[in-house]
Amino acid sequence: MSAESVAAQSVTPAEQLLGTTFREVFRRHAAGVAILTVEHEGKPFGFTATSVASLSAEPPRFTFNMARSSSSWPAVANSNYIGVHILGQDNRGLADRFARTKDRFSGDHWEAGPYGVPLLKDVHAYLVGKIQMRVSFENNAVVIVEVVEGSLGDEATQLLYHSGSYVRPSPLEYQI
């Protein structure tokens, strides 16, 4: 019997229920959609993420999480600079392209930016940052980035991900 099958058999019904609950809780948590890009050994890499978060305003820093089994991890692990692109509703095709295909950079939808970071065109906003720290935990990593440059594109309705699909935020009937 393999180690994986032994581990699978050792999961209790309570642990299975907790795992199911955990996944459902985060399916219900709406998150902004971003694409992270990096250049490594002259080649662009990128992926769609919903784990980008602001860490501090002074100095400006953000974080993101990723699986170390990702095909982009070696590039992130061995590069100094990375870009994060915040997507609007009109960038859904880019989000799908970077989430579902290996053909992420053919075409004219990007250009080399500062520090060689691939910059996507026509996005809601982007930041370029210097990777400050990579914290590995089991098969995952938290990456901390200090912003060195950024730009706002045209104002657009934010692209959100919720319950397994893209959604559009809608205003409440009252303002806070």
Protein backbone atom coordinates (compact mmCIF):
# COMPACT_ATOMS: atom_id res chain seq x y z
CA MET A 1 0.00 0.00 0.00
CA SER A 2 1.38 3.43 -0.96
CA ALA A 3 2.01 6.19 1.58
CA GLU A 4 -0.70 8.29 -0.11
CA SER A 5 -3.34 5.61 0.30
CA VAL A 6 -2.35 5.05 3.93
CA ALA A 7 -2.62 8.80 4.56
CA ALA A 8 -6.02 8.91 2.83
CA GLN A 9 -7.29 6.06 5.00
CA SER A 10 -6.11 7.80 8.18
CA VAL A 11 -8.36 10.86 7.60
CA THR A 12 -11.24 10.74 10.04
CA PRO A 13 -14.84 11.59 9.08
CA ALA A 14 -14.53 14.76 11.21
CA GLU A 15 -11.40 15.81 9.28
CA GLN A 16 -13.19 15.13 5.98
CA LEU A 17 -16.12 17.29 7.10
CA LEU A 18 -13.75 20.07 8.18
CA GLY A 19 -11.97 19.92 4.80
CA THR A 20 -15.30 20.13 2.99
CA THR A 21 -16.41 23.04 5.17
CA PHE A 22 -13.09 24.83 4.62
CA ARG A 23 -13.37 24.57 0.83
CA GLU A 24 -17.00 25.76 0.89
CA VAL A 25 -16.20 28.72 3.18
CA PHE A 26 -13.59 29.97 0.73
CA ARG A 27 -15.87 29.35 -2.28
CA ARG A 28 -18.24 31.81 -0.60
CA HIS A 29 -15.50 34.39 -0.01
CA ALA A 30 -15.44 36.75 -3.00
CA ALA A 31 -11.93 37.71 -4.06
CA GLY A 32 -10.43 40.09 -6.57
CA VAL A 33 -8.78 38.49 -9.60
CA ALA A 34 -5.16 39.33 -10.43
CA ILE A 35 -2.42 38.03 -12.69
CA LEU A 36 1.14 37.80 -11.40
CA THR A 37 4.01 37.93 -13.90
CA VAL A 38 7.74 37.39 -13.61
CA GLU A 39 10.70 37.05 -15.95
CA HIS A 40 13.20 34.26 -15.36
CA GLU A 41 16.17 33.40 -17.56
CA GLY A 42 14.78 35.55 -20.37
CA LYS A 43 11.35 33.89 -20.38
CA PRO A 44 8.02 35.33 -19.13
CA PHE A 45 5.93 33.41 -16.59
CA GLY A 46 2.51 34.25 -15.19
CA PHE A 47 -0.57 32.91 -13.45
CA THR A 48 -4.02 33.99 -12.29
CA ALA A 49 -4.44 34.43 -8.54
CA THR A 50 -7.10 35.43 -6.03
CA SER A 51 -4.74 35.49 -3.03
CA VAL A 52 -3.23 38.96 -3.52
CA ALA A 53 -3.57 41.22 -0.47
CA SER A 54 -2.25 44.55 0.74
CA LEU A 55 0.30 44.12 3.54
CA SER A 56 1.29 47.72 4.36
CA ALA A 57 0.99 51.23 2.98
CA GLU A 58 4.28 52.54 4.42
CA PRO A 59 6.28 51.15 2.78
CA PRO A 60 3.85 49.87 0.15
CA ARG A 61 3.85 46.06 0.24
CA PHE A 62 1.58 43.26 -0.89
CA THR A 63 1.52 39.51 -0.45
CA PHE A 64 0.28 36.55 -2.42
CA ASN A 65 0.17 32.81 -1.90
CA MET A 66 0.99 30.08 -4.36
CA ALA A 67 1.59 26.35 -4.53
CA ARG A 68 5.25 25.43 -4.80
CA SER A 69 4.16 22.69 -7.22
CA SER A 70 3.02 25.39 -9.68
CA SER A 71 4.87 25.53 -12.99
CA SER A 72 5.57 29.22 -12.22
CA TRP A 73 7.10 28.57 -8.78
CA PRO A 74 10.71 28.09 -10.00
CA ALA A 75 10.52 31.50 -11.70
CA VAL A 76 9.05 33.17 -8.60
CA ALA A 77 11.55 31.40 -6.34
CA ASN A 78 14.52 32.60 -8.40
CA SER A 79 13.57 36.12 -9.47
CA ASN A 80 13.92 39.45 -7.69
CA TYR A 81 11.02 41.39 -9.26
CA ILE A 82 7.39 40.53 -9.94
CA GLY A 83 4.32 42.29 -11.33
CA VAL A 84 0.74 42.11 -10.12
CA HIS A 85 -2.05 43.12 -12.50
CA ILE A 86 -5.49 43.94 -11.08
CA LEU A 87 -8.20 42.90 -13.52
CA GLY A 88 -11.45 44.56 -14.52
CA GLN A 89 -14.51 42.91 -16.05
CA ASP A 90 -13.10 43.43 -19.55
CA ASN A 91 -10.00 41.36 -18.63
CA ARG A 92 -11.89 38.09 -18.13
CA GLY A 93 -10.24 36.59 -21.22
CA LEU A 94 -6.79 37.31 -19.76
CA ALA A 95 -7.81 35.73 -16.44
CA ASP A 96 -8.92 32.57 -18.26
CA ARG A 97 -5.83 32.51 -20.45
CA PHE A 98 -3.45 32.68 -17.46
CA ALA A 99 -5.52 30.20 -15.42
CA ARG A 100 -6.32 27.57 -18.03
CA THR A 101 -3.71 27.54 -20.78
CA LYS A 102 0.04 27.18 -21.17
CA ASP A 103 0.00 29.70 -24.06
CA ARG A 104 0.03 32.79 -21.85
CA PHE A 105 2.42 35.14 -23.62
CA SER A 106 2.00 34.65 -27.37
CA GLY A 107 0.49 37.80 -28.86
CA ASP A 108 0.74 41.52 -28.29
CA HIS A 109 -1.15 41.76 -24.97
CA TRP A 110 2.06 42.34 -22.98
CA GLU A 111 5.44 44.04 -23.08
CA ALA A 112 8.64 43.96 -21.05
CA GLY A 113 8.47 46.50 -18.24
CA PRO A 114 10.80 47.73 -15.52
CA TYR A 115 13.32 45.14 -14.29
CA GLY A 116 12.24 42.90 -17.19
CA VAL A 117 8.86 42.18 -15.56
CA PRO A 118 6.21 41.28 -18.18
CA LEU A 119 3.48 43.94 -18.07
CA LEU A 120 0.00 43.19 -19.35
CA LYS A 121 -1.68 45.87 -21.44
CA ASP A 122 -5.14 47.36 -20.79
CA VAL A 123 -5.50 46.16 -17.19
CA HIS A 124 -7.27 48.00 -14.36
CA ALA A 125 -3.94 48.66 -12.56
CA TYR A 126 -0.51 47.15 -12.05
CA LEU A 127 2.31 47.21 -9.51
CA VAL A 128 5.91 46.08 -9.92
CA GLY A 129 7.70 45.04 -6.79
CA LYS A 130 10.91 43.62 -5.38
CA ILE A 131 10.42 40.27 -3.71
CA GLN A 132 11.42 40.72 -0.06
CA MET A 133 10.66 37.29 1.36
CA ARG A 134 9.35 33.85 0.46
CA VAL A 135 7.93 31.87 3.36
CA SER A 136 7.52 28.18 2.55
CA PHE A 137 5.03 26.03 4.43
CA GLU A 138 4.59 22.44 3.28
CA ASN A 139 3.75 22.67 -0.45
CA ASN A 140 2.80 26.35 -0.35
CA ALA A 141 4.52 29.71 -0.12
CA VAL A 142 3.61 33.21 1.00
CA VAL A 143 5.51 35.82 -0.99
CA ILE A 144 6.06 39.35 0.36
CA VAL A 145 6.73 42.10 -2.19
CA GLU A 146 7.73 45.75 -1.75
CA VAL A 147 6.30 47.99 -4.48
CA VAL A 148 8.79 49.99 -6.58
CA GLU A 149 6.51 51.17 -9.40
CA GLY A 150 2.87 51.14 -10.44
CA SER A 151 0.25 52.57 -12.71
CA LEU A 152 -3.51 52.93 -12.92
CA GLY A 153 -5.30 52.06 -16.14
CA ASP A 154 -8.79 53.11 -17.10
CA GLU A 155 -11.22 52.80 -14.24
CA ALA A 156 -13.24 49.63 -14.67
CA THR A 157 -15.56 47.38 -12.71
CA GLN A 158 -13.41 44.96 -10.70
CA LEU A 159 -13.39 41.30 -11.75
CA LEU A 160 -14.27 39.09 -8.77
CA TYR A 161 -14.23 35.33 -8.29
CA HIS A 162 -16.96 33.75 -6.16
CA SER A 163 -18.47 30.26 -5.91
CA GLY A 164 -16.46 28.91 -8.83
CA SER A 165 -17.17 31.67 -11.35
CA TYR A 166 -16.44 35.29 -12.19
CA VAL A 167 -18.89 37.83 -10.81
CA ARG A 168 -19.50 41.56 -10.96
CA PRO A 169 -19.76 43.61 -7.77
CA SER A 170 -23.01 45.52 -7.40
CA PRO A 171 -23.54 48.57 -5.20
CA LEU A 172 -25.70 48.37 -2.13
CA GLU A 173 -28.86 50.46 -2.03
CA TYR A 174 -27.28 52.78 0.53
CA GLN A 175 -23.84 54.24 0.97
CA ILE A 176 -21.74 53.88 4.09
